[in-house]
Amino acid sequence: METGVLIALITSICTLLSTILAKWIDSKSGMRKDVTDIKEDIGVLKENDRKNGDMIYQMLDHLATNNNTGGIKKALDDYNSYFRHS
């Protein structure tokens, strides 16, 4: 057998074994589910942070300009519906 073919064969076998071994370890430890859960939680945290930022901005804008455009009421309604009724 040529050296190049032998190296390709050994590399293929190692890759196949490492793939199978990784899937077997994951099935035993459940790490993939944990990573999926963490990704979902990060999405929720980002949305929470955005809502909090919107509320803070509206309050500071209202205090800075002393306006009465209804923006703070809308932000409060959005905030309330997102955090208290979800």
N, C-alpha and C. Protein backbone atom coordinates (compact mmCIF):
# COMPACT_ATOMS: atom_id res chain seq x y z
N MET A 1 0.84 -1.16 0.00
CA MET A 1 0.00 0.00 0.00
C MET A 1 0.90 1.24 0.00
N GLU A 2 0.51 2.22 -0.76
CA GLU A 2 1.30 3.44 -0.80
C GLU A 2 1.17 4.22 0.50
N THR A 3 2.15 5.03 0.76
CA THR A 3 2.18 5.79 2.00
C THR A 3 1.02 6.78 2.08
N GLY A 4 0.70 7.46 0.98
CA GLY A 4 -0.39 8.44 0.97
C GLY A 4 -1.73 7.80 1.26
N VAL A 5 -1.95 6.62 0.69
CA VAL A 5 -3.21 5.91 0.92
C VAL A 5 -3.29 5.45 2.36
N LEU A 6 -2.17 4.98 2.89
CA LEU A 6 -2.13 4.52 4.28
C LEU A 6 -2.40 5.68 5.25
N ILE A 7 -1.82 6.84 4.99
CA ILE A 7 -2.05 8.01 5.84
C ILE A 7 -3.51 8.45 5.76
N ALA A 8 -4.09 8.45 4.57
CA ALA A 8 -5.49 8.82 4.41
C ALA A 8 -6.40 7.84 5.13
N LEU A 9 -6.08 6.56 5.06
CA LEU A 9 -6.87 5.54 5.74
C LEU A 9 -6.80 5.70 7.26
N ILE A 10 -5.61 5.92 7.78
CA ILE A 10 -5.43 6.11 9.22
C ILE A 10 -6.16 7.38 9.68
N THR A 11 -6.07 8.45 8.91
CA THR A 11 -6.74 9.70 9.24
C THR A 11 -8.26 9.52 9.23
N SER A 12 -8.76 8.80 8.26
CA SER A 12 -10.21 8.55 8.19
C SER A 12 -10.69 7.75 9.39
N ILE A 13 -9.94 6.74 9.75
CA ILE A 13 -10.32 5.91 10.90
C ILE A 13 -10.29 6.73 12.19
N CYS A 14 -9.26 7.54 12.36
CA CYS A 14 -9.17 8.38 13.56
C CYS A 14 -10.32 9.38 13.63
N THR A 15 -10.65 10.00 12.51
CA THR A 15 -11.75 10.96 12.46
C THR A 15 -13.07 10.27 12.79
N LEU A 16 -13.30 9.11 12.22
CA LEU A 16 -14.52 8.36 12.48
C LEU A 16 -14.61 7.97 13.95
N LEU A 17 -13.52 7.48 14.52
CA LEU A 17 -13.52 7.09 15.93
C LEU A 17 -13.74 8.30 16.85
N SER A 18 -13.11 9.43 16.53
CA SER A 18 -13.29 10.60 17.39
C SER A 18 -14.73 11.13 17.31
N THR A 19 -15.34 11.04 16.14
CA THR A 19 -16.73 11.47 16.00
C THR A 19 -17.66 10.56 16.79
N ILE A 20 -17.47 9.29 16.65
CA ILE A 20 -18.31 8.32 17.38
C ILE A 20 -18.08 8.45 18.88
N LEU A 21 -16.84 8.61 19.29
CA LEU A 21 -16.53 8.74 20.71
C LEU A 21 -17.14 10.02 21.29
N ALA A 22 -17.08 11.12 20.54
CA ALA A 22 -17.66 12.38 21.02
C ALA A 22 -19.17 12.26 21.19
N LYS A 23 -19.84 11.62 20.25
CA LYS A 23 -21.29 11.43 20.36
C LYS A 23 -21.64 10.51 21.53
N TRP A 24 -20.84 9.51 21.76
CA TRP A 24 -21.08 8.60 22.87
C TRP A 24 -20.91 9.31 24.21
N ILE A 25 -19.85 10.10 24.33
CA ILE A 25 -19.62 10.87 25.57
C ILE A 25 -20.75 11.86 25.79
N ASP A 26 -21.20 12.52 24.73
CA ASP A 26 -22.29 13.48 24.85
C ASP A 26 -23.58 12.80 25.28
N SER A 27 -23.83 11.61 24.77
CA SER A 27 -25.05 10.91 25.16
C SER A 27 -25.00 10.50 26.63
N LYS A 28 -23.83 10.23 27.15
CA LYS A 28 -23.68 9.85 28.56
C LYS A 28 -23.76 11.07 29.48
N SER A 29 -23.19 12.19 29.06
CA SER A 29 -23.12 13.35 29.96
C SER A 29 -24.27 14.33 29.76
N GLY A 30 -24.91 14.34 28.60
CA GLY A 30 -26.01 15.26 28.34
C GLY A 30 -25.58 16.69 28.11
N MET A 31 -24.34 16.89 27.71
CA MET A 31 -23.80 18.24 27.55
C MET A 31 -24.50 19.02 26.44
N ARG A 32 -24.92 18.36 25.39
CA ARG A 32 -25.58 19.05 24.28
C ARG A 32 -26.88 19.71 24.75
N LYS A 33 -27.64 19.01 25.58
CA LYS A 33 -28.88 19.58 26.11
C LYS A 33 -28.57 20.79 26.99
N ASP A 34 -27.53 20.69 27.79
CA ASP A 34 -27.13 21.82 28.64
C ASP A 34 -26.76 23.04 27.80
N VAL A 35 -26.02 22.83 26.74
CA VAL A 35 -25.61 23.94 25.88
C VAL A 35 -26.83 24.56 25.21
N THR A 36 -27.76 23.75 24.78
CA THR A 36 -28.99 24.26 24.16
C THR A 36 -29.78 25.08 25.17
N ASP A 37 -29.89 24.59 26.40
CA ASP A 37 -30.60 25.33 27.44
C ASP A 37 -29.93 26.67 27.73
N ILE A 38 -28.62 26.67 27.77
CA ILE A 38 -27.88 27.90 28.04
C ILE A 38 -28.09 28.91 26.91
N LYS A 39 -28.08 28.45 25.67
CA LYS A 39 -28.32 29.35 24.54
C LYS A 39 -29.71 29.97 24.60
N GLU A 40 -30.71 29.18 24.98
CA GLU A 40 -32.07 29.71 25.10
C GLU A 40 -32.14 30.74 26.22
N ASP A 41 -31.48 30.46 27.33
CA ASP A 41 -31.48 31.39 28.46
C ASP A 41 -30.78 32.70 28.10
N ILE A 42 -29.73 32.63 27.32
CA ILE A 42 -29.04 33.84 26.89
C ILE A 42 -29.96 34.69 26.03
N GLY A 43 -30.74 34.07 25.17
CA GLY A 43 -31.70 34.82 24.37
C GLY A 43 -32.72 35.55 25.23
N VAL A 44 -33.19 34.87 26.28
CA VAL A 44 -34.15 35.50 27.21
C VAL A 44 -33.49 36.67 27.94
N LEU A 45 -32.26 36.47 28.38
CA LEU A 45 -31.55 37.54 29.08
C LEU A 45 -31.32 38.75 28.19
N LYS A 46 -31.01 38.53 26.93
CA LYS A 46 -30.83 39.64 26.01
C LYS A 46 -32.13 40.42 25.83
N GLU A 47 -33.22 39.72 25.71
CA GLU A 47 -34.52 40.40 25.56
C GLU A 47 -34.87 41.16 26.84
N ASN A 48 -34.61 40.57 28.00
CA ASN A 48 -34.85 41.27 29.26
C ASN A 48 -34.01 42.53 29.35
N ASP A 49 -32.77 42.44 28.95
CA ASP A 49 -31.88 43.60 28.99
C ASP A 49 -32.37 44.70 28.05
N ARG A 50 -32.88 44.31 26.90
CA ARG A 50 -33.40 45.30 25.95
C ARG A 50 -34.61 46.01 26.54
N LYS A 51 -35.52 45.25 27.16
CA LYS A 51 -36.70 45.86 27.77
C LYS A 51 -36.31 46.81 28.90
N ASN A 52 -35.37 46.39 29.73
CA ASN A 52 -34.92 47.26 30.82
C ASN A 52 -34.26 48.53 30.27
N GLY A 53 -33.48 48.38 29.22
CA GLY A 53 -32.85 49.54 28.60
C GLY A 53 -33.87 50.50 28.02
N ASP A 54 -34.91 49.97 27.39
CA ASP A 54 -35.98 50.83 26.86
C ASP A 54 -36.65 51.61 27.97
N MET A 55 -36.93 50.94 29.09
CA MET A 55 -37.60 51.61 30.21
C MET A 55 -36.70 52.69 30.80
N ILE A 56 -35.45 52.38 31.01
CA ILE A 56 -34.52 53.36 31.57
C ILE A 56 -34.39 54.57 30.64
N TYR A 57 -34.27 54.32 29.35
CA TYR A 57 -34.16 55.42 28.40
C TYR A 57 -35.40 56.32 28.46
N GLN A 58 -36.58 55.73 28.48
CA GLN A 58 -37.80 56.53 28.51
C GLN A 58 -37.89 57.37 29.79
N MET A 59 -37.50 56.79 30.92
CA MET A 59 -37.56 57.55 32.17
C MET A 59 -36.57 58.71 32.14
N LEU A 60 -35.35 58.44 31.68
CA LEU A 60 -34.36 59.52 31.64
C LEU A 60 -34.73 60.58 30.61
N ASP A 61 -35.29 60.17 29.49
CA ASP A 61 -35.73 61.13 28.48
C ASP A 61 -36.84 62.01 29.04
N HIS A 62 -37.77 61.42 29.75
CA HIS A 62 -38.86 62.18 30.34
C HIS A 62 -38.32 63.17 31.39
N LEU A 63 -37.39 62.71 32.21
CA LEU A 63 -36.83 63.59 33.23
C LEU A 63 -35.99 64.72 32.61
N ALA A 64 -35.29 64.41 31.53
CA ALA A 64 -34.41 65.41 30.92
C ALA A 64 -35.21 66.48 30.19
N THR A 65 -36.30 66.10 29.55
CA THR A 65 -37.03 67.07 28.73
C THR A 65 -38.34 67.52 29.36
N ASN A 66 -38.78 66.82 30.41
CA ASN A 66 -40.04 67.12 31.08
C ASN A 66 -41.19 67.19 30.07
N ASN A 67 -41.16 66.26 29.13
CA ASN A 67 -42.21 66.26 28.10
C ASN A 67 -43.38 65.38 28.50
N ASN A 68 -44.44 65.49 27.78
CA ASN A 68 -45.63 64.69 28.07
C ASN A 68 -46.14 64.10 26.76
N THR A 69 -45.28 63.30 26.11
CA THR A 69 -45.64 62.74 24.81
C THR A 69 -46.28 61.36 24.93
N GLY A 70 -46.32 60.79 26.10
CA GLY A 70 -46.90 59.47 26.29
C GLY A 70 -45.90 58.35 26.12
N GLY A 71 -44.64 58.67 25.86
CA GLY A 71 -43.62 57.63 25.67
C GLY A 71 -43.38 56.81 26.91
N ILE A 72 -43.39 57.45 28.07
CA ILE A 72 -43.14 56.70 29.29
C ILE A 72 -44.30 55.77 29.61
N LYS A 73 -45.53 56.18 29.29
CA LYS A 73 -46.70 55.31 29.50
C LYS A 73 -46.62 54.09 28.59
N LYS A 74 -46.23 54.29 27.34
CA LYS A 74 -46.10 53.17 26.41
C LYS A 74 -45.00 52.21 26.88
N ALA A 75 -43.86 52.80 27.30
CA ALA A 75 -42.76 51.96 27.77
C ALA A 75 -43.17 51.18 29.02
N LEU A 76 -43.91 51.83 29.90
CA LEU A 76 -44.37 51.15 31.10
C LEU A 76 -45.35 50.02 30.77
N ASP A 77 -46.24 50.26 29.82
CA ASP A 77 -47.16 49.21 29.40
C ASP A 77 -46.42 48.03 28.78
N ASP A 78 -45.44 48.32 27.92
CA ASP A 78 -44.63 47.25 27.31
C ASP A 78 -43.88 46.47 28.38
N TYR A 79 -43.28 47.21 29.30
CA TYR A 79 -42.51 46.60 30.39
C TYR A 79 -43.41 45.70 31.24
N ASN A 80 -44.57 46.22 31.59
CA ASN A 80 -45.52 45.49 32.41
C ASN A 80 -46.01 44.23 31.70
N SER A 81 -46.36 44.34 30.44
CA SER A 81 -46.88 43.16 29.72
C SER A 81 -45.78 42.11 29.51
N TYR A 82 -44.54 42.57 29.33
CA TYR A 82 -43.46 41.61 29.10
C TYR A 82 -43.08 40.88 30.38
N PHE A 83 -42.88 41.61 31.47
CA PHE A 83 -42.35 40.99 32.68
C PHE A 83 -43.42 40.41 33.59
N ARG A 84 -44.60 40.99 33.62
CA ARG A 84 -45.59 40.54 34.58
C ARG A 84 -46.66 39.64 33.97
N HIS A 85 -46.79 39.64 32.68
CA HIS A 85 -47.87 38.86 32.04
C HIS A 85 -47.34 37.87 31.01
N SER A 86 -46.08 37.49 31.17
CA SER A 86 -45.54 36.52 30.19
C SER A 86 -45.32 35.18 30.83
